[in-house]
Amino acid sequence: MHPSRSAAVDPPAQPCAEPLAPFDHLMLVDARPGFPMCFFLECVVEGDLDEHRLRHAADEASRRHPRLCSRVAWRGGRPCWLPPDVRPAFVWQAEAGASDPWRPVDLERESGVRIVVRTLGPRQFGITLVVHHSVCDGIAACEFMGDLWACYEGNEPRRFSPPARPTKDTPAAAPPPAIDPVTEAMAFARFFPAPLASRRAFAGRRADAAEPPYASIELDSACTAKLRAAAAARQATVNDLIVAAVMRAAIAWNDQGGVRRGGVRVTMPVSTRAPRQRAPASNEISYAFLDRSREACRDRESLVGSLAAASRWILASGAVAGFLDAVRFLARSPLALRAVTRLPLCLSTVIVSNLGDVSRRMRAGVPKIDGRDAPGGLVIRGFRGVPPLRPRTRAAVAVLPYADSMTLSCLSSAGTEPRAAAGEFLNLIRRELGGFL
C-alpha cells in the first residue's frame, strides 16, 4: 500500500478515526507483492456446522472489535484508521466461483480479517482467519475466535476488562537489569544470520489452491507430555526446546543444501499485555531476537541451557521494549520506516511464534467435551496457523498447544513447492525434538 493509492478509498473525503500506531504502520509498509503481511489462524471443528449461525456469530463478534471493521486511508503521507464501516469477509468454500481465499488483504478496500470455511471430511471443517498484521496480533485473533464461538453458542462474549491492579500486599517487583540500547543495537548489527537455502525440490503432489499455503504436524498427548517432562528436567520451557529444535533444523536444512556458513537468528513475538488483560483486538506485541552461531548449535543440551537463560532474561529485563522504541523512532519518517523494510539483508532465519494454550486465549465460556471446547453442538479438535513470511526469512513456525496436544505449523518460501518445503522443515524439527525425549 502506498499514499498514491488513497484515491481507492470510498468515499475519499471520509474522516480518519486515528493514526496507525508505529507497530501497525510497520506491518502495513512491510507488505509487498508475494509477501503479504498476513497471518493465519485455523480452527478445526467436528459436527454439523450451521453456516447461517456461524455467519451471524462472526458478525456479532466483530462488532466488539473496531479494528476488524475498519479500513485504512492515507492522509499527508501517513496511514490512519477510518471509522468502522466494513465487516470481515466470509468465504464459504462450497460457493461456486469463489476467488482465491488466501489472497492478500487490501486494507484500503476491505476488513483486515477474512474468514474462510472449507470442508475437511465428513462432518469436519476448517475455519481459518486470514488476518492483516496491521489489525491485530495472534493473541487478539484467538480472543476474537473465542468471541465468535461464544456467540455461536448463544452466550454473551467475555467482557473487556482493564489489567488487574496490584494490591497493597503485592510485593514490589525487582527492578529489571539495565540495558544499554547502543550495545544491543551493535550486537544485532554485527550478527549476520544465514537464510534457509532455497530452490529445493521435494517429492509429493502439487499444491491444491483450495488448501491453505502452510503445512502442519500434530504432537499427540503422549509426545506433548514427554516434551513437558523433558523441559522441566532441564529447567527450561517447552518453547525453549522448540526454539532449539528449530535452530538445529535450520542448520541441518542448510547443510543438506550445501550452505555451511552463517549463524541462526530466531525472531520470537513476545506479548506486552498486562496479566489477564482483555481488550478490543489490536497489536500488543514486540519482538525478541535469539542469535546463535553454528558452533553454539552443535550440542543440543548446551543450546537449550543458553536459550532458557536468554528467555528468563528477556522476560525480566523488558528487552523487547527496545524494538518498539526503535519502531517509534523510525515511524517519525514514513520514508525511513519503509526503507528499513527494503534492506537487502536477511534479518532473521526463522520466525517462531508460540500462542500458548489456545483455549485459554479464547476463553469462550462454552461447554467442554474431553477437555475440548464444544460450542453449539460442535467439538473443536485443534488449531493450526502461521505468522507472515518476509523475503529473506524463508520459514515461519507457529506453536499452538490445545487441550493435551500441540500443533506445529510452518509457512515456507524455501522450495519450489512451498507446502512441501514447509512439511520437510517440520520433519526436521520433529526429528530434533525427538532428541530431547
Protein backbone atom coordinates (compact mmCIF):
# COMPACT_ATOMS: atom_id res chain seq x y z
CA MET A 1 0.00 0.00 0.00
CA HIS A 2 1.15 3.49 -0.77
CA PRO A 3 -0.20 7.01 -0.37
CA SER A 4 -0.75 7.18 -4.11
CA ARG A 5 -3.49 4.60 -3.76
CA SER A 6 -5.57 6.58 -1.29
CA ALA A 7 -7.99 7.53 -4.07
CA ALA A 8 -9.23 3.93 -3.96
CA VAL A 9 -10.91 4.60 -0.63
CA ASP A 10 -14.64 5.20 -0.99
CA PRO A 11 -15.61 7.83 -0.06
CA PRO A 12 -12.27 9.72 -0.29
CA ALA A 13 -13.42 12.54 1.98
CA GLN A 14 -14.31 10.22 4.86
CA PRO A 15 -12.59 11.48 8.04
CA CYS A 16 -9.94 9.36 9.74
CA ALA A 17 -10.60 8.00 13.19
CA GLU A 18 -6.96 7.88 14.37
CA PRO A 19 -3.44 7.34 13.02
CA LEU A 20 -1.94 3.87 12.96
CA ALA A 21 0.34 3.06 15.88
CA PRO A 22 4.02 2.72 14.90
CA PHE A 23 3.96 -1.11 15.03
CA ASP A 24 0.76 -1.20 12.92
CA HIS A 25 2.41 1.22 10.47
CA LEU A 26 5.45 -1.07 10.21
CA MET A 27 3.22 -4.06 9.42
CA LEU A 28 1.46 -2.01 6.74
CA VAL A 29 4.52 -0.75 4.86
CA ASP A 30 6.35 -4.08 5.09
CA ALA A 31 3.71 -5.76 2.90
CA ARG A 32 4.67 -6.26 -0.74
CA PRO A 33 3.76 -8.47 -3.73
CA GLY A 34 4.49 -12.09 -2.93
CA PHE A 35 4.93 -11.34 0.78
CA PRO A 36 1.63 -10.09 2.21
CA MET A 37 1.75 -9.16 5.88
CA CYS A 38 -0.97 -11.67 6.74
CA PHE A 39 -1.06 -14.46 9.28
CA PHE A 40 -3.39 -17.45 9.52
CA LEU A 41 -5.28 -18.99 12.44
CA GLU A 42 -7.29 -22.13 11.63
CA CYS A 43 -9.80 -23.84 13.92
CA VAL A 44 -10.68 -27.47 13.09
CA VAL A 45 -14.19 -28.44 14.20
CA GLU A 46 -16.24 -31.62 14.07
CA GLY A 47 -20.02 -31.78 13.91
CA ASP A 48 -22.92 -30.29 11.98
CA LEU A 49 -21.68 -26.77 11.28
CA ASP A 50 -24.52 -24.31 10.68
CA GLU A 51 -23.46 -21.78 8.04
CA HIS A 52 -26.10 -19.16 8.89
CA ARG A 53 -25.36 -19.45 12.60
CA LEU A 54 -21.62 -19.09 12.01
CA ARG A 55 -22.04 -16.04 9.77
CA HIS A 56 -24.26 -14.38 12.37
CA ALA A 57 -21.78 -15.23 15.16
CA ALA A 58 -18.89 -13.75 13.17
CA ASP A 59 -20.85 -10.57 12.52
CA GLU A 60 -21.83 -10.20 16.17
CA ALA A 61 -18.32 -10.91 17.44
CA SER A 62 -16.70 -8.44 15.02
CA ARG A 63 -18.86 -5.59 16.38
CA ARG A 64 -16.80 -5.73 19.57
CA HIS A 65 -13.53 -5.09 17.69
CA PRO A 66 -13.34 -1.78 15.77
CA ARG A 67 -10.03 -2.68 14.07
CA LEU A 68 -11.70 -5.69 12.42
CA CYS A 69 -14.34 -3.38 10.94
CA SER A 70 -12.06 -0.54 9.80
CA ARG A 71 -10.18 0.28 6.63
CA VAL A 72 -7.02 2.34 6.12
CA ALA A 73 -6.63 5.65 4.30
CA TRP A 74 -3.60 7.87 3.74
CA ARG A 75 -3.59 11.47 4.88
CA GLY A 76 -0.50 13.64 4.43
CA GLY A 77 1.62 10.60 3.57
CA ARG A 78 0.64 8.77 6.78
CA PRO A 79 -1.85 5.94 7.26
CA CYS A 80 -4.86 6.24 9.56
CA TRP A 81 -7.87 4.15 10.51
CA LEU A 82 -11.22 5.10 9.04
CA PRO A 83 -14.32 4.87 11.23
CA PRO A 84 -15.66 1.29 11.22
CA ASP A 85 -17.74 0.68 8.08
CA VAL A 86 -17.00 -2.90 6.97
CA ARG A 87 -17.25 -6.44 8.37
CA PRO A 88 -14.85 -9.37 7.99
CA ALA A 89 -15.30 -11.05 4.63
CA PHE A 90 -16.81 -14.55 4.79
CA VAL A 91 -15.83 -17.20 2.23
CA TRP A 92 -17.73 -20.49 2.25
CA GLN A 93 -15.75 -22.85 0.04
CA ALA A 94 -18.88 -24.61 -1.21
CA GLU A 95 -19.74 -21.41 -3.07
CA ALA A 96 -19.23 -21.77 -6.81
CA GLY A 97 -16.62 -19.50 -8.32
CA ALA A 98 -15.15 -18.31 -5.00
CA SER A 99 -11.98 -16.29 -5.57
CA ASP A 100 -8.65 -17.26 -4.07
CA PRO A 101 -9.40 -17.32 -0.32
CA TRP A 102 -5.72 -16.96 0.62
CA ARG A 103 -5.09 -13.82 -1.43
CA PRO A 104 -3.57 -10.76 0.30
CA VAL A 105 -5.86 -8.49 2.31
CA ASP A 106 -6.26 -4.96 0.92
CA LEU A 107 -6.83 -2.80 3.98
CA GLU A 108 -7.83 0.20 1.88
CA ARG A 109 -10.83 -1.67 0.48
CA GLU A 110 -11.83 -4.37 2.97
CA SER A 111 -11.70 -5.55 6.55
CA GLY A 112 -8.34 -6.78 7.76
CA VAL A 113 -9.90 -10.18 8.55
CA ARG A 114 -11.22 -12.79 6.12
CA ILE A 115 -12.99 -15.90 7.41
CA VAL A 116 -12.57 -18.97 5.19
CA VAL A 117 -14.61 -22.13 5.77
CA ARG A 118 -13.71 -25.36 3.98
CA THR A 119 -14.75 -28.99 4.28
CA LEU A 120 -12.02 -31.32 5.54
CA GLY A 121 -14.02 -34.53 5.68
CA PRO A 122 -17.37 -35.93 6.78
CA ARG A 123 -18.70 -33.53 9.44
CA GLN A 124 -15.26 -31.92 9.75
CA PHE A 125 -14.48 -28.31 8.82
CA GLY A 126 -11.62 -25.83 8.94
CA ILE A 127 -12.48 -22.24 9.87
CA THR A 128 -9.48 -20.05 9.05
CA LEU A 129 -8.89 -16.42 9.88
CA VAL A 130 -6.71 -14.63 7.31
CA VAL A 131 -5.56 -11.55 9.22
CA HIS A 132 -3.59 -8.49 8.14
CA HIS A 133 -1.00 -7.96 10.88
CA SER A 134 -1.65 -4.22 10.99
CA VAL A 135 -5.04 -5.01 12.53
CA CYS A 136 -4.03 -7.27 15.41
CA ASP A 137 -1.66 -9.96 16.62
CA GLY A 138 -2.20 -13.70 17.03
CA ILE A 139 -3.34 -13.48 20.64
CA ALA A 140 -6.03 -10.95 19.71
CA ALA A 141 -7.08 -13.23 16.85
CA CYS A 142 -7.52 -16.06 19.37
CA GLU A 143 -9.63 -13.78 21.56
CA PHE A 144 -11.80 -12.84 18.57
CA MET A 145 -12.17 -16.54 17.76
CA GLY A 146 -13.33 -17.04 21.36
CA ASP A 147 -15.92 -14.29 20.94
CA LEU A 148 -17.11 -15.93 17.72
CA TRP A 149 -17.64 -19.29 19.42
CA ALA A 150 -19.33 -17.66 22.40
CA CYS A 151 -21.80 -16.04 20.00
CA TYR A 152 -22.23 -19.33 18.14
CA GLU A 153 -23.13 -20.96 21.46
CA GLY A 154 -25.59 -18.15 22.12
CA ASN A 155 -23.64 -16.65 25.02
CA GLU A 156 -22.50 -13.11 25.70
CA PRO A 157 -18.75 -12.86 24.98
CA ARG A 158 -16.42 -12.22 27.88
CA ARG A 159 -16.34 -8.57 28.90
CA PHE A 160 -13.32 -6.43 28.22
CA SER A 161 -11.51 -5.58 31.41
CA PRO A 162 -8.57 -3.41 32.42
CA PRO A 163 -5.45 -5.11 33.78
CA ALA A 164 -5.64 -6.11 37.41
CA ARG A 165 -4.19 -3.57 39.82
CA PRO A 166 -1.69 -4.78 42.41
CA THR A 167 -2.97 -4.90 45.97
CA LYS A 168 -1.22 -3.42 48.98
CA ASP A 169 0.04 -6.88 49.87
CA THR A 170 1.64 -7.43 46.47
CA PRO A 171 5.44 -7.19 46.85
CA ALA A 172 7.20 -4.72 44.60
CA ALA A 173 8.90 -6.32 41.63
CA ALA A 174 12.67 -6.22 41.48
CA PRO A 175 13.98 -3.59 39.09
CA PRO A 176 14.90 -5.09 35.69
CA PRO A 177 18.55 -5.32 34.71
CA ALA A 178 19.89 -2.24 32.97
CA ILE A 179 20.01 -2.43 29.17
CA ASP A 180 22.35 -0.39 27.00
CA PRO A 181 20.40 0.18 23.76
CA VAL A 182 23.56 1.09 21.84
CA THR A 183 25.29 -2.14 22.89
CA GLU A 184 22.23 -4.18 21.97
CA ALA A 185 21.89 -2.46 18.58
CA MET A 186 25.57 -3.05 17.81
CA ALA A 187 25.29 -6.73 18.75
CA PHE A 188 22.25 -7.07 16.47
CA ALA A 189 24.03 -5.37 13.57
CA ARG A 190 27.21 -7.45 13.92
CA PHE A 191 25.40 -10.78 13.69
CA PHE A 192 24.66 -11.97 10.16
CA PRO A 193 22.12 -14.81 10.14
CA ALA A 194 22.07 -17.19 7.20
CA PRO A 195 18.76 -17.56 5.36
CA LEU A 196 17.43 -21.03 4.65
CA ALA A 197 18.77 -22.37 1.37
CA SER A 198 16.16 -22.04 -1.37
CA ARG A 199 15.26 -23.62 -4.74
CA ARG A 200 14.98 -27.11 -3.28
CA ALA A 201 12.55 -29.58 -4.83
CA PHE A 202 10.65 -32.21 -2.85
CA ALA A 203 8.68 -35.24 -3.89
CA GLY A 204 4.92 -35.16 -3.46
CA ARG A 205 1.75 -33.91 -5.06
CA ARG A 206 1.44 -30.37 -6.29
CA ALA A 207 -0.28 -27.88 -4.03
CA ASP A 208 -4.07 -27.57 -4.21
CA ALA A 209 -5.08 -23.90 -4.44
CA ALA A 210 -8.09 -24.61 -2.20
CA GLU A 211 -5.80 -25.64 0.66
CA PRO A 212 -4.06 -23.10 2.89
CA PRO A 213 -0.43 -22.41 1.99
CA TYR A 214 1.09 -23.93 5.15
CA ALA A 215 1.80 -27.43 6.48
CA SER A 216 1.18 -28.80 9.98
CA ILE A 217 2.11 -31.72 12.22
CA GLU A 218 0.41 -32.70 15.46
CA LEU A 219 2.25 -33.86 18.56
CA ASP A 220 -0.19 -36.12 20.38
CA SER A 221 -0.84 -36.10 24.11
CA ALA A 222 1.86 -38.68 24.87
CA CYS A 223 4.55 -36.81 22.92
CA THR A 224 3.47 -33.45 24.39
CA ALA A 225 3.62 -34.86 27.93
CA LYS A 226 7.13 -36.20 27.28
CA LEU A 227 8.25 -32.81 25.96
CA ARG A 228 6.92 -31.08 29.07
CA ALA A 229 8.74 -33.54 31.29
CA ALA A 230 11.94 -33.14 29.25
CA ALA A 231 11.73 -29.34 29.55
CA ALA A 232 11.12 -29.48 33.31
CA ALA A 233 14.11 -31.80 33.76
CA ARG A 234 16.28 -29.19 32.07
CA GLN A 235 14.78 -26.22 33.96
CA ALA A 236 13.53 -24.95 30.64
CA THR A 237 10.20 -24.50 28.90
CA VAL A 238 8.74 -26.47 26.00
CA ASN A 239 9.20 -23.32 23.93
CA ASP A 240 12.94 -23.38 24.70
CA LEU A 241 13.12 -26.95 23.37
CA ILE A 242 11.19 -25.99 20.24
CA VAL A 243 13.40 -22.97 19.50
CA ALA A 244 16.49 -25.15 19.95
CA ALA A 245 15.00 -27.75 17.59
CA VAL A 246 14.20 -25.04 15.02
CA MET A 247 17.76 -23.70 15.16
CA ARG A 248 19.28 -27.14 14.68
CA ALA A 249 16.76 -27.92 11.93
CA ALA A 250 17.77 -24.71 10.11
CA ILE A 251 21.42 -25.73 10.18
CA ALA A 252 20.56 -29.26 9.02
CA TRP A 253 18.48 -27.79 6.18
CA ASN A 254 21.36 -25.60 5.03
CA ASP A 255 23.86 -28.44 5.38
CA GLN A 256 21.69 -30.55 3.06
CA GLY A 257 21.57 -27.60 0.66
CA GLY A 258 25.35 -27.20 0.65
CA VAL A 259 25.33 -23.97 2.71
CA ARG A 260 27.71 -24.38 5.66
CA ARG A 261 28.22 -20.84 6.84
CA GLY A 262 26.39 -18.21 8.88
CA GLY A 263 24.55 -18.42 12.17
CA VAL A 264 20.87 -18.68 13.02
CA ARG A 265 18.58 -15.93 14.24
CA VAL A 266 15.10 -16.78 15.51
CA THR A 267 12.62 -13.92 15.77
CA MET A 268 10.13 -14.55 18.56
CA PRO A 269 7.00 -12.42 19.13
CA VAL A 270 6.51 -11.55 22.81
CA SER A 271 3.25 -10.27 24.27
CA THR A 272 3.38 -6.90 26.03
CA ARG A 273 -0.10 -7.31 27.57
CA ALA A 274 -0.66 -6.97 31.28
CA PRO A 275 -1.78 -10.17 33.05
CA ARG A 276 -5.45 -11.04 32.49
CA GLN A 277 -5.89 -8.09 30.14
CA ARG A 278 -8.64 -8.46 27.53
CA ALA A 279 -9.43 -5.61 25.18
CA PRO A 280 -10.60 -4.98 21.60
CA ALA A 281 -8.30 -6.51 19.01
CA SER A 282 -5.01 -4.71 18.44
CA ASN A 283 -1.28 -5.35 18.29
CA GLU A 284 0.20 -5.73 21.77
CA ILE A 285 3.46 -7.48 20.98
CA SER A 286 7.12 -6.81 20.39
CA TYR A 287 9.93 -8.99 19.05
CA ALA A 288 12.83 -10.74 20.73
CA PHE A 289 15.80 -11.96 18.70
CA LEU A 290 17.76 -15.09 19.61
CA ASP A 291 21.13 -15.36 17.83
CA ARG A 292 23.34 -18.46 17.85
CA SER A 293 26.40 -19.42 15.83
CA ARG A 294 26.61 -22.77 14.09
CA GLU A 295 29.07 -23.92 16.72
CA ALA A 296 26.71 -22.93 19.56
CA CYS A 297 24.00 -25.12 18.00
CA ARG A 298 26.19 -28.20 17.79
CA ASP A 299 25.36 -29.53 21.27
CA ARG A 300 21.60 -29.56 21.88
CA GLU A 301 21.88 -29.63 25.67
CA SER A 302 24.08 -26.57 25.98
CA LEU A 303 21.94 -24.84 23.36
CA VAL A 304 18.78 -25.40 25.40
CA GLY A 305 20.52 -24.19 28.55
CA SER A 306 21.58 -20.96 26.88
CA LEU A 307 18.11 -20.40 25.37
CA ALA A 308 16.40 -21.00 28.70
CA ALA A 309 18.68 -18.42 30.34
CA ALA A 310 18.02 -15.98 27.49
CA SER A 311 14.24 -16.44 27.80
CA ARG A 312 14.35 -15.67 31.51
CA TRP A 313 16.48 -12.59 30.84
CA ILE A 314 14.10 -11.34 28.14
CA LEU A 315 11.13 -11.57 30.50
CA ALA A 316 12.99 -9.98 33.42
CA SER A 317 14.76 -7.21 31.53
CA GLY A 318 11.99 -5.83 29.40
CA ALA A 319 14.39 -6.07 26.46
CA VAL A 320 11.54 -6.28 23.94
CA ALA A 321 10.73 -2.63 24.64
CA GLY A 322 13.85 -1.71 22.68
CA PHE A 323 12.35 -2.98 19.44
CA LEU A 324 9.21 -0.89 19.91
CA ASP A 325 11.31 2.16 20.76
CA ALA A 326 13.23 1.71 17.51
CA VAL A 327 9.99 1.40 15.53
CA ARG A 328 8.59 4.56 17.13
CA PHE A 329 11.77 6.45 16.22
CA LEU A 330 11.69 5.25 12.59
CA ALA A 331 7.95 5.93 12.27
CA ARG A 332 8.67 9.67 12.63
CA SER A 333 9.72 9.44 8.99
CA PRO A 334 7.47 7.15 6.91
CA LEU A 335 10.12 7.00 4.20
CA ALA A 336 12.74 5.80 6.70
CA LEU A 337 10.37 3.15 8.06
CA ARG A 338 9.67 1.89 4.56
CA ALA A 339 13.36 1.95 3.61
CA VAL A 340 14.32 -0.24 6.57
CA THR A 341 11.88 -2.94 5.43
CA ARG A 342 13.55 -2.99 2.00
CA LEU A 343 17.12 -3.56 3.17
CA PRO A 344 18.67 -6.35 1.04
CA LEU A 345 19.60 -8.37 4.12
CA CYS A 346 18.44 -11.48 5.92
CA LEU A 347 17.33 -10.07 9.27
CA SER A 348 16.10 -13.41 10.61
CA THR A 349 16.43 -17.07 9.65
CA VAL A 350 13.11 -18.29 11.09
CA ILE A 351 10.16 -16.79 12.98
CA VAL A 352 8.82 -18.87 15.88
CA SER A 353 5.51 -17.83 17.44
CA ASN A 354 4.04 -19.66 20.45
CA LEU A 355 0.48 -18.54 21.21
CA GLY A 356 0.17 -20.56 24.40
CA ASP A 357 -2.90 -22.69 25.18
CA VAL A 358 -5.41 -21.51 22.58
CA SER A 359 -8.45 -22.41 24.68
CA ARG A 360 -7.19 -20.16 27.49
CA ARG A 361 -6.54 -17.39 24.98
CA MET A 362 -10.08 -17.71 23.60
CA ARG A 363 -11.90 -18.00 26.95
CA ALA A 364 -15.09 -18.67 25.01
CA GLY A 365 -17.06 -19.89 28.03
CA VAL A 366 -18.57 -22.82 26.12
CA PRO A 367 -19.12 -26.45 27.25
CA LYS A 368 -16.20 -28.87 27.04
CA ILE A 369 -16.00 -32.49 25.93
CA ASP A 370 -12.86 -34.40 26.97
CA GLY A 371 -11.10 -31.09 27.62
CA ARG A 372 -12.01 -29.64 24.21
CA ASP A 373 -14.29 -26.67 23.59
CA ALA A 374 -17.71 -27.70 22.31
CA PRO A 375 -19.72 -24.68 21.10
CA GLY A 376 -23.23 -25.19 19.75
CA GLY A 377 -23.03 -28.96 19.34
CA LEU A 378 -19.60 -28.89 17.68
CA VAL A 379 -16.27 -30.10 19.07
CA ILE A 380 -13.09 -28.10 18.40
CA ARG A 381 -10.44 -30.69 17.60
CA GLY A 382 -7.41 -28.45 17.19
CA PHE A 383 -5.76 -25.35 15.77
CA ARG A 384 -3.26 -24.58 13.05
CA GLY A 385 -1.75 -21.36 11.78
CA VAL A 386 1.40 -19.41 10.95
CA PRO A 387 2.96 -15.90 11.11
CA PRO A 388 3.77 -14.00 7.90
CA LEU A 389 6.91 -14.63 5.85
CA ARG A 390 9.40 -11.95 4.84
CA PRO A 391 11.51 -12.01 1.63
CA ARG A 392 14.71 -13.41 3.18
CA THR A 393 13.12 -15.06 6.21
CA ARG A 394 12.06 -18.23 4.46
CA ALA A 395 10.25 -20.07 7.24
CA ALA A 396 7.71 -19.09 9.88
CA VAL A 397 6.67 -21.60 12.55
CA ALA A 398 3.75 -21.38 14.95
CA VAL A 399 3.26 -23.47 18.09
CA LEU A 400 -0.38 -23.94 19.11
CA PRO A 401 -0.97 -26.00 22.28
CA TYR A 402 -4.58 -27.06 22.77
CA ALA A 403 -6.13 -29.45 25.29
CA ASP A 404 -3.44 -32.11 25.89
CA SER A 405 -1.72 -31.95 22.50
CA MET A 406 0.18 -29.47 20.37
CA THR A 407 0.33 -28.50 16.69
CA LEU A 408 3.34 -27.12 14.86
CA SER A 409 2.63 -25.31 11.59
CA CYS A 410 5.05 -23.89 9.05
CA LEU A 411 4.88 -21.45 6.14
CA SER A 412 7.92 -21.55 3.86
CA SER A 413 9.32 -19.98 0.71
CA ALA A 414 12.44 -22.17 0.71
CA GLY A 415 11.28 -24.53 -2.03
CA THR A 416 9.63 -24.63 -5.41
CA GLU A 417 6.61 -26.27 -3.74
CA PRO A 418 6.12 -24.12 -0.61
CA ARG A 419 3.81 -26.52 1.25
CA ALA A 420 6.13 -29.46 0.56
CA ALA A 421 9.12 -27.41 1.75
CA ALA A 422 7.22 -26.48 4.91
CA GLY A 423 6.43 -30.13 5.57
CA GLU A 424 10.07 -31.11 5.12
CA PHE A 425 11.22 -28.42 7.54
CA LEU A 426 8.65 -29.61 10.10
CA ASN A 427 10.02 -33.14 9.75
CA LEU A 428 13.47 -31.84 10.63
CA ILE A 429 12.04 -30.07 13.69
CA ARG A 430 10.23 -33.25 14.77
CA ARG A 431 13.46 -35.20 14.44
CA GLU A 432 15.33 -32.67 16.57
CA LEU A 433 12.61 -32.68 19.23
CA GLY A 434 12.91 -36.46 19.38
CA GLY A 435 16.50 -35.99 20.58
CA PHE A 436 15.19 -34.47 23.82
CA LEU A 437 12.92 -37.41 24.68
